[in-house]
PDB file of all heavy atoms in Angstrom:
ATOM      1  N   ASN A   1      60.852  56.143  78.260  1.00  0.00           N
ATOM      2  CA  ASN A   1      61.946  56.087  77.271  1.00  0.00           C
ATOM      3  C   ASN A   1      62.663  54.707  77.521  1.00  0.00           C
ATOM      4  O   ASN A   1      63.558  54.620  78.386  1.00  0.00           O
ATOM      5  CB  ASN A   1      62.908  57.259  77.468  1.00  0.00           C
ATOM      6  CG  ASN A   1      64.038  57.183  76.404  1.00  0.00           C
ATOM      7  OD1 ASN A   1      64.028  56.344  75.531  1.00  0.00           O
ATOM      8  ND2 ASN A   1      64.931  58.118  76.560  1.00  0.00           N
ATOM      9  N   PRO A   2      62.319  53.681  76.758  1.00  0.00           N
ATOM     10  CA  PRO A   2      62.951  52.375  76.966  1.00  0.00           C
ATOM     11  C   PRO A   2      64.430  52.352  76.814  1.00  0.00           C
ATOM     12  O   PRO A   2      65.125  51.526  77.500  1.00  0.00           O
ATOM     13  CB  PRO A   2      62.260  51.513  75.855  1.00  0.00           C
ATOM     14  CG  PRO A   2      60.983  52.235  75.526  1.00  0.00           C
ATOM     15  CD  PRO A   2      61.310  53.651  75.732  1.00  0.00           C
ATOM     16  N   LEU A   3      64.992  53.271  75.998  1.00  0.00           N
ATOM     17  CA  LEU A   3      66.436  53.275  75.787  1.00  0.00           C
ATOM     18  C   LEU A   3      67.202  53.765  77.023  1.00  0.00           C
ATOM     19  O   LEU A   3      68.477  53.645  77.044  1.00  0.00           O
ATOM     20  CB  LEU A   3      66.830  54.175  74.596  1.00  0.00           C
ATOM     21  CG  LEU A   3      66.284  53.633  73.236  1.00  0.00           C
ATOM     22  CD1 LEU A   3      66.699  54.572  72.117  1.00  0.00           C
ATOM     23  CD2 LEU A   3      66.826  52.251  72.905  1.00  0.00           C
ATOM     24  N   THR A   4      66.465  54.322  77.963  1.00  0.00           N
ATOM     25  CA  THR A   4      67.164  54.742  79.206  1.00  0.00           C
ATOM     26  C   THR A   4      67.847  53.561  79.927  1.00  0.00           C
ATOM     27  O   THR A   4      68.769  53.724  80.703  1.00  0.00           O
ATOM     28  CB  THR A   4      66.125  55.417  80.143  1.00  0.00           C
ATOM     29  OG1 THR A   4      65.434  56.484  79.478  1.00  0.00           O
ATOM     30  CG2 THR A   4      66.775  55.954  81.370  1.00  0.00           C
ATOM     31  N   LEU A   5      67.373  52.335  79.721  1.00  0.00           N
ATOM     32  CA  LEU A   5      67.872  51.155  80.314  1.00  0.00           C
ATOM     33  C   LEU A   5      69.369  51.044  80.097  1.00  0.00           C
ATOM     34  O   LEU A   5      70.071  50.517  80.890  1.00  0.00           O
ATOM     35  CB  LEU A   5      67.161  49.955  79.729  1.00  0.00           C
ATOM     36  CG  LEU A   5      67.634  48.546  80.247  1.00  0.00           C
ATOM     37  CD1 LEU A   5      67.430  48.393  81.730  1.00  0.00           C
ATOM     38  CD2 LEU A   5      66.965  47.433  79.468  1.00  0.00           C
ATOM     39  N   PHE A   6      69.863  51.572  78.916  1.00  0.00           N
ATOM     40  CA  PHE A   6      71.262  51.354  78.574  1.00  0.00           C
ATOM     41  C   PHE A   6      72.152  52.531  78.973  1.00  0.00           C
ATOM     42  O   PHE A   6      73.306  52.589  78.606  1.00  0.00           O
ATOM     43  CB  PHE A   6      71.353  51.139  77.041  1.00  0.00           C
ATOM     44  CG  PHE A   6      70.545  49.934  76.593  1.00  0.00           C
ATOM     45  CD1 PHE A   6      69.331  50.158  75.927  1.00  0.00           C
ATOM     46  CD2 PHE A   6      70.985  48.649  76.823  1.00  0.00           C
ATOM     47  CE1 PHE A   6      68.542  49.098  75.527  1.00  0.00           C
ATOM     48  CE2 PHE A   6      70.162  47.601  76.377  1.00  0.00           C
ATOM     49  CZ  PHE A   6      68.978  47.803  75.732  1.00  0.00           C
ATOM     50  N   THR A   7      71.606  53.487  79.720  1.00  0.00           N
ATOM     51  CA  THR A   7      72.381  54.612  80.117  1.00  0.00           C
ATOM     52  C   THR A   7      73.033  54.436  81.504  1.00  0.00           C
ATOM     53  O   THR A   7      72.545  53.605  82.300  1.00  0.00           O
ATOM     54  CB  THR A   7      71.431  55.885  80.263  1.00  0.00           C
ATOM     55  OG1 THR A   7      70.505  55.719  81.238  1.00  0.00           O
ATOM     56  CG2 THR A   7      70.812  56.159  78.878  1.00  0.00           C
ATOM     57  N   ALA A   8      74.160  55.074  81.699  1.00  0.00           N
ATOM     58  CA  ALA A   8      74.847  54.929  82.994  1.00  0.00           C
ATOM     59  C   ALA A   8      74.010  55.487  84.146  1.00  0.00           C
ATOM     60  O   ALA A   8      74.026  54.870  85.238  1.00  0.00           O
ATOM     61  CB  ALA A   8      76.249  55.729  82.934  1.00  0.00           C
ATOM     62  N   SER A   9      73.254  56.504  83.861  1.00  0.00           N
ATOM     63  CA  SER A   9      72.460  57.078  84.950  1.00  0.00           C
ATOM     64  C   SER A   9      71.437  56.096  85.465  1.00  0.00           C
ATOM     65  O   SER A   9      71.310  55.953  86.659  1.00  0.00           O
ATOM     66  CB  SER A   9      71.769  58.374  84.414  1.00  0.00           C
ATOM     67  OG  SER A   9      70.954  58.940  85.392  1.00  0.00           O
ATOM     68  N   PHE A  10      70.730  55.463  84.601  1.00  0.00           N
ATOM     69  CA  PHE A  10      69.680  54.471  84.982  1.00  0.00           C
ATOM     70  C   PHE A  10      70.349  53.287  85.745  1.00  0.00           C
ATOM     71  O   PHE A  10      69.876  52.885  86.799  1.00  0.00           O
ATOM     72  CB  PHE A  10      68.933  53.999  83.791  1.00  0.00           C
ATOM     73  CG  PHE A  10      67.882  52.978  84.062  1.00  0.00           C
ATOM     74  CD1 PHE A  10      66.565  53.390  84.311  1.00  0.00           C
ATOM     75  CD2 PHE A  10      68.132  51.605  84.155  1.00  0.00           C
ATOM     76  CE1 PHE A  10      65.554  52.458  84.598  1.00  0.00           C
ATOM     77  CE2 PHE A  10      67.167  50.681  84.418  1.00  0.00           C
ATOM     78  CZ  PHE A  10      65.845  51.078  84.663  1.00  0.00           C
ATOM     79  N   GLN A  11      71.381  52.745  85.139  1.00  0.00           N
ATOM     80  CA  GLN A  11      71.978  51.552  85.755  1.00  0.00           C
ATOM     81  C   GLN A  11      72.595  51.784  87.085  1.00  0.00           C
ATOM     82  O   GLN A  11      72.434  51.044  88.087  1.00  0.00           O
ATOM     83  CB  GLN A  11      73.023  51.023  84.800  1.00  0.00           C
ATOM     84  CG  GLN A  11      72.462  50.506  83.497  1.00  0.00           C
ATOM     85  CD  GLN A  11      73.554  50.231  82.434  1.00  0.00           C
ATOM     86  OE1 GLN A  11      74.718  50.341  82.702  1.00  0.00           O
ATOM     87  NE2 GLN A  11      73.104  49.769  81.242  1.00  0.00           N
ATOM     88  N   LEU A  12      73.304  52.988  87.260  1.00  0.00           N
ATOM     89  CA  LEU A  12      73.920  53.324  88.514  1.00  0.00           C
ATOM     90  C   LEU A  12      72.873  53.653  89.559  1.00  0.00           C
ATOM     91  O   LEU A  12      72.946  53.178  90.772  1.00  0.00           O
ATOM     92  CB  LEU A  12      74.878  54.488  88.396  1.00  0.00           C
ATOM     93  CG  LEU A  12      76.147  54.236  87.521  1.00  0.00           C
ATOM     94  CD1 LEU A  12      76.926  55.503  87.282  1.00  0.00           C
ATOM     95  CD2 LEU A  12      77.008  53.149  88.271  1.00  0.00           C
ATOM     96  N   SER A  13      71.867  54.432  89.195  1.00  0.00           N
ATOM     97  CA  SER A  13      70.821  54.861  90.157  1.00  0.00           C
ATOM     98  C   SER A  13      70.064  53.648  90.670  1.00  0.00           C
ATOM     99  O   SER A  13      69.884  53.476  91.876  1.00  0.00           O
ATOM    100  CB  SER A  13      69.841  55.843  89.480  1.00  0.00           C
ATOM    101  OG  SER A  13      68.824  56.263  90.323  1.00  0.00           O
ATOM    102  N   PHE A  14      69.575  52.824  89.805  1.00  0.00           N
ATOM    103  CA  PHE A  14      68.701  51.758  90.208  1.00  0.00           C
ATOM    104  C   PHE A  14      69.473  50.618  90.905  1.00  0.00           C
ATOM    105  O   PHE A  14      69.020  49.923  91.832  1.00  0.00           O
ATOM    106  CB  PHE A  14      67.844  51.170  89.061  1.00  0.00           C
ATOM    107  CG  PHE A  14      66.684  52.055  88.755  1.00  0.00           C
ATOM    108  CD1 PHE A  14      66.757  53.041  87.833  1.00  0.00           C
ATOM    109  CD2 PHE A  14      65.430  51.843  89.447  1.00  0.00           C
ATOM    110  CE1 PHE A  14      65.695  53.871  87.584  1.00  0.00           C
ATOM    111  CE2 PHE A  14      64.416  52.646  89.161  1.00  0.00           C
ATOM    112  CZ  PHE A  14      64.516  53.737  88.184  1.00  0.00           C
ATOM    113  N   SER A  15      70.693  50.390  90.427  1.00  0.00           N
ATOM    114  CA  SER A  15      71.520  49.277  91.063  1.00  0.00           C
ATOM    115  C   SER A  15      71.902  49.610  92.468  1.00  0.00           C
ATOM    116  O   SER A  15      71.949  48.774  93.407  1.00  0.00           O
ATOM    117  CB  SER A  15      72.779  48.995  90.262  1.00  0.00           C
ATOM    118  OG  SER A  15      73.589  50.096  90.160  1.00  0.00           O
ATOM    119  N   ALA A  16      72.190  50.905  92.718  1.00  0.00           N
ATOM    120  CA  ALA A  16      72.541  51.398  94.056  1.00  0.00           C
ATOM    121  C   ALA A  16      71.360  51.254  95.050  1.00  0.00           C
ATOM    122  O   ALA A  16      71.518  50.718  96.123  1.00  0.00           O
ATOM    123  CB  ALA A  16      72.989  52.829  94.010  1.00  0.00           C
ATOM    124  N   VAL A  17      70.192  51.694  94.564  1.00  0.00           N
ATOM    125  CA  VAL A  17      68.970  51.635  95.403  1.00  0.00           C
ATOM    126  C   VAL A  17      68.594  50.164  95.632  1.00  0.00           C
ATOM    127  O   VAL A  17      68.134  49.737  96.779  1.00  0.00           O
ATOM    128  CB  VAL A  17      67.832  52.399  94.904  1.00  0.00           C
ATOM    129  CG1 VAL A  17      66.611  52.326  95.794  1.00  0.00           C
ATOM    130  CG2 VAL A  17      68.283  53.932  94.729  1.00  0.00           C
ATOM    131  N   ALA A  18      68.696  49.299  94.641  1.00  0.00           N
ATOM    132  CA  ALA A  18      68.354  47.887  94.746  1.00  0.00           C
ATOM    133  C   ALA A  18      69.282  47.237  95.741  1.00  0.00           C
ATOM    134  O   ALA A  18      68.749  46.397  96.585  1.00  0.00           O
ATOM    135  CB  ALA A  18      68.392  47.188  93.397  1.00  0.00           C
ATOM    136  N   ALA A  19      70.589  47.461  95.642  1.00  0.00           N
ATOM    137  CA  ALA A  19      71.474  46.874  96.602  1.00  0.00           C
ATOM    138  C   ALA A  19      71.154  47.282  98.050  1.00  0.00           C
ATOM    139  O   ALA A  19      71.216  46.431  98.955  1.00  0.00           O
ATOM    140  CB  ALA A  19      72.952  47.246  96.255  1.00  0.00           C
ATOM    141  N   LEU A  20      70.861  48.620  98.258  1.00  0.00           N
ATOM    142  CA  LEU A  20      70.527  49.012  99.580  1.00  0.00           C
ATOM    143  C   LEU A  20      69.270  48.421 100.086  1.00  0.00           C
ATOM    144  O   LEU A  20      69.172  48.022 101.234  1.00  0.00           O
ATOM    145  CB  LEU A  20      70.393  50.576  99.561  1.00  0.00           C
ATOM    146  CG  LEU A  20      71.679  51.386  99.319  1.00  0.00           C
ATOM    147  CD1 LEU A  20      71.333  52.865  99.240  1.00  0.00           C
ATOM    148  CD2 LEU A  20      72.659  51.147 100.432  1.00  0.00           C
ATOM    149  N   THR A  21      68.269  48.272  99.215  1.00  0.00           N
ATOM    150  CA  THR A  21      66.979  47.678  99.631  1.00  0.00           C
ATOM    151  C   THR A  21      67.154  46.225 100.000  1.00  0.00           C
ATOM    152  O   THR A  21      66.543  45.728 100.988  1.00  0.00           O
ATOM    153  CB  THR A  21      65.946  47.794  98.440  1.00  0.00           C
ATOM    154  OG1 THR A  21      65.872  49.138  98.102  1.00  0.00           O
ATOM    155  CG2 THR A  21      64.668  47.221  98.852  1.00  0.00           C
ATOM    156  N   LEU A  22      67.986  45.432  99.243  1.00  0.00           N
ATOM    157  CA  LEU A  22      68.148  44.025  99.451  1.00  0.00           C
ATOM    158  C   LEU A  22      69.058  43.738 100.693  1.00  0.00           C
ATOM    159  O   LEU A  22      68.728  42.914 101.538  1.00  0.00           O
ATOM    160  CB  LEU A  22      68.661  43.378  98.261  1.00  0.00           C
ATOM    161  CG  LEU A  22      67.731  43.168  97.062  1.00  0.00           C
ATOM    162  CD1 LEU A  22      68.483  42.579  95.908  1.00  0.00           C
ATOM    163  CD2 LEU A  22      66.606  42.289  97.457  1.00  0.00           C
ATOM    164  N   PHE A  23      70.198  44.410 100.745  1.00  0.00           N
ATOM    165  CA  PHE A  23      71.279  43.997 101.678  1.00  0.00           C
ATOM    166  C   PHE A  23      71.301  44.756 102.977  1.00  0.00           C
ATOM    167  O   PHE A  23      71.678  44.227 104.026  1.00  0.00           O
ATOM    168  CB  PHE A  23      72.653  44.120 101.055  1.00  0.00           C
ATOM    169  CG  PHE A  23      72.847  43.155  99.937  1.00  0.00           C
ATOM    170  CD1 PHE A  23      72.773  43.540  98.585  1.00  0.00           C
ATOM    171  CD2 PHE A  23      73.078  41.734 100.164  1.00  0.00           C
ATOM    172  CE1 PHE A  23      72.962  42.628  97.567  1.00  0.00           C
ATOM    173  CE2 PHE A  23      73.205  40.851  99.145  1.00  0.00           C
ATOM    174  CZ  PHE A  23      73.202  41.308  97.861  1.00  0.00           C
ATOM    175  N   LEU A  24      70.874  45.951 102.976  1.00  0.00           N
ATOM    176  CA  LEU A  24      70.990  46.743 104.160  1.00  0.00           C
ATOM    177  C   LEU A  24      70.253  46.239 105.383  1.00  0.00           C
ATOM    178  O   LEU A  24      70.804  46.173 106.516  1.00  0.00           O
ATOM    179  CB  LEU A  24      70.549  48.271 103.866  1.00  0.00           C
ATOM    180  CG  LEU A  24      71.276  49.367 104.658  1.00  0.00           C
ATOM    181  CD1 LEU A  24      72.773  49.186 104.523  1.00  0.00           C
ATOM    182  CD2 LEU A  24      70.796  50.726 104.242  1.00  0.00           C
ATOM    183  N   PRO A  25      68.968  45.791 105.260  1.00  0.00           N
ATOM    184  CA  PRO A  25      68.284  45.268 106.418  1.00  0.00           C
ATOM    185  C   PRO A  25      68.961  44.024 107.041  1.00  0.00           C
ATOM    186  O   PRO A  25      68.813  43.809 108.212  1.00  0.00           O
ATOM    187  CB  PRO A  25      66.898  44.866 105.851  1.00  0.00           C
ATOM    188  CG  PRO A  25      66.706  45.747 104.604  1.00  0.00           C
ATOM    189  CD  PRO A  25      68.121  45.819 104.039  1.00  0.00           C
ATOM    190  N   THR A  26      69.722  43.283 106.191  1.00  0.00           N
ATOM    191  CA  THR A  26      70.346  42.053 106.724  1.00  0.00           C
ATOM    192  C   THR A  26      71.697  42.317 107.388  1.00  0.00           C
ATOM    193  O   THR A  26      72.113  41.485 108.189  1.00  0.00           O
ATOM    194  CB  THR A  26      70.526  40.973 105.619  1.00  0.00           C
ATOM    195  OG1 THR A  26      71.357  41.544 104.587  1.00  0.00           O
ATOM    196  CG2 THR A  26      69.144  40.680 104.986  1.00  0.00           C
ATOM    197  N   ILE A  27      72.389  43.415 107.018  1.00  0.00           N
ATOM    198  CA  ILE A  27      73.711  43.617 107.531  1.00  0.00           C
ATOM    199  C   ILE A  27      73.799  44.718 108.594  1.00  0.00           C
ATOM    200  O   ILE A  27      74.779  44.844 109.298  1.00  0.00           O
ATOM    201  CB  ILE A  27      74.704  43.922 106.369  1.00  0.00           C
ATOM    202  CG1 ILE A  27      74.396  45.230 105.733  1.00  0.00           C
ATOM    203  CG2 ILE A  27      74.751  42.778 105.390  1.00  0.00           C
ATOM    204  CD1 ILE A  27      75.483  45.640 104.720  1.00  0.00           C
ATOM    205  N   LEU A  28      72.736  45.542 108.689  1.00  0.00           N
ATOM    206  CA  LEU A  28      72.810  46.609 109.733  1.00  0.00           C
ATOM    207  C   LEU A  28      72.729  45.959 111.075  1.00  0.00           C
ATOM    208  O   LEU A  28      71.773  45.211 111.353  1.00  0.00           O
ATOM    209  CB  LEU A  28      71.603  47.580 109.534  1.00  0.00           C
ATOM    210  CG  LEU A  28      71.832  48.712 108.508  1.00  0.00           C
ATOM    211  CD1 LEU A  28      70.558  49.523 108.471  1.00  0.00           C
ATOM    212  CD2 LEU A  28      73.067  49.528 108.847  1.00  0.00           C
ATOM    213  N   PRO A  29      73.679  46.192 111.935  1.00  0.00           N
ATOM    214  CA  PRO A  29      73.696  45.604 113.242  1.00  0.00           C
ATOM    215  C   PRO A  29      72.594  46.253 114.136  1.00  0.00           C
ATOM    216  O   PRO A  29      72.316  47.413 114.025  1.00  0.00           O
ATOM    217  CB  PRO A  29      75.071  45.877 113.727  1.00  0.00           C
ATOM    218  CG  PRO A  29      75.507  47.134 113.082  1.00  0.00           C
ATOM    219  CD  PRO A  29      74.911  47.087 111.722  1.00  0.00           C
ATOM    220  N   THR A  30      71.997  45.471 114.939  1.00  0.00           N
ATOM    221  CA  THR A  30      71.088  46.012 115.966  1.00  0.00           C
ATOM    222  C   THR A  30      71.876  46.619 117.163  1.00  0.00           C
ATOM    223  O   THR A  30      72.860  46.079 117.571  1.00  0.00           O
ATOM    224  CB  THR A  30      70.108  44.941 116.505  1.00  0.00           C
ATOM    225  OG1 THR A  30      70.949  43.847 117.060  1.00  0.00           O
ATOM    226  CG2 THR A  30      69.304  44.359 115.393  1.00  0.00           C
TER     227      THR A  30
END
């Protein structure tokens, strides 16, 4: 469903996981 791109559910879900995937490995302290 291409129109899912404009829904809050899609945007919130994927932006949260993308942020965790990108930033978490670099800021988690050893």
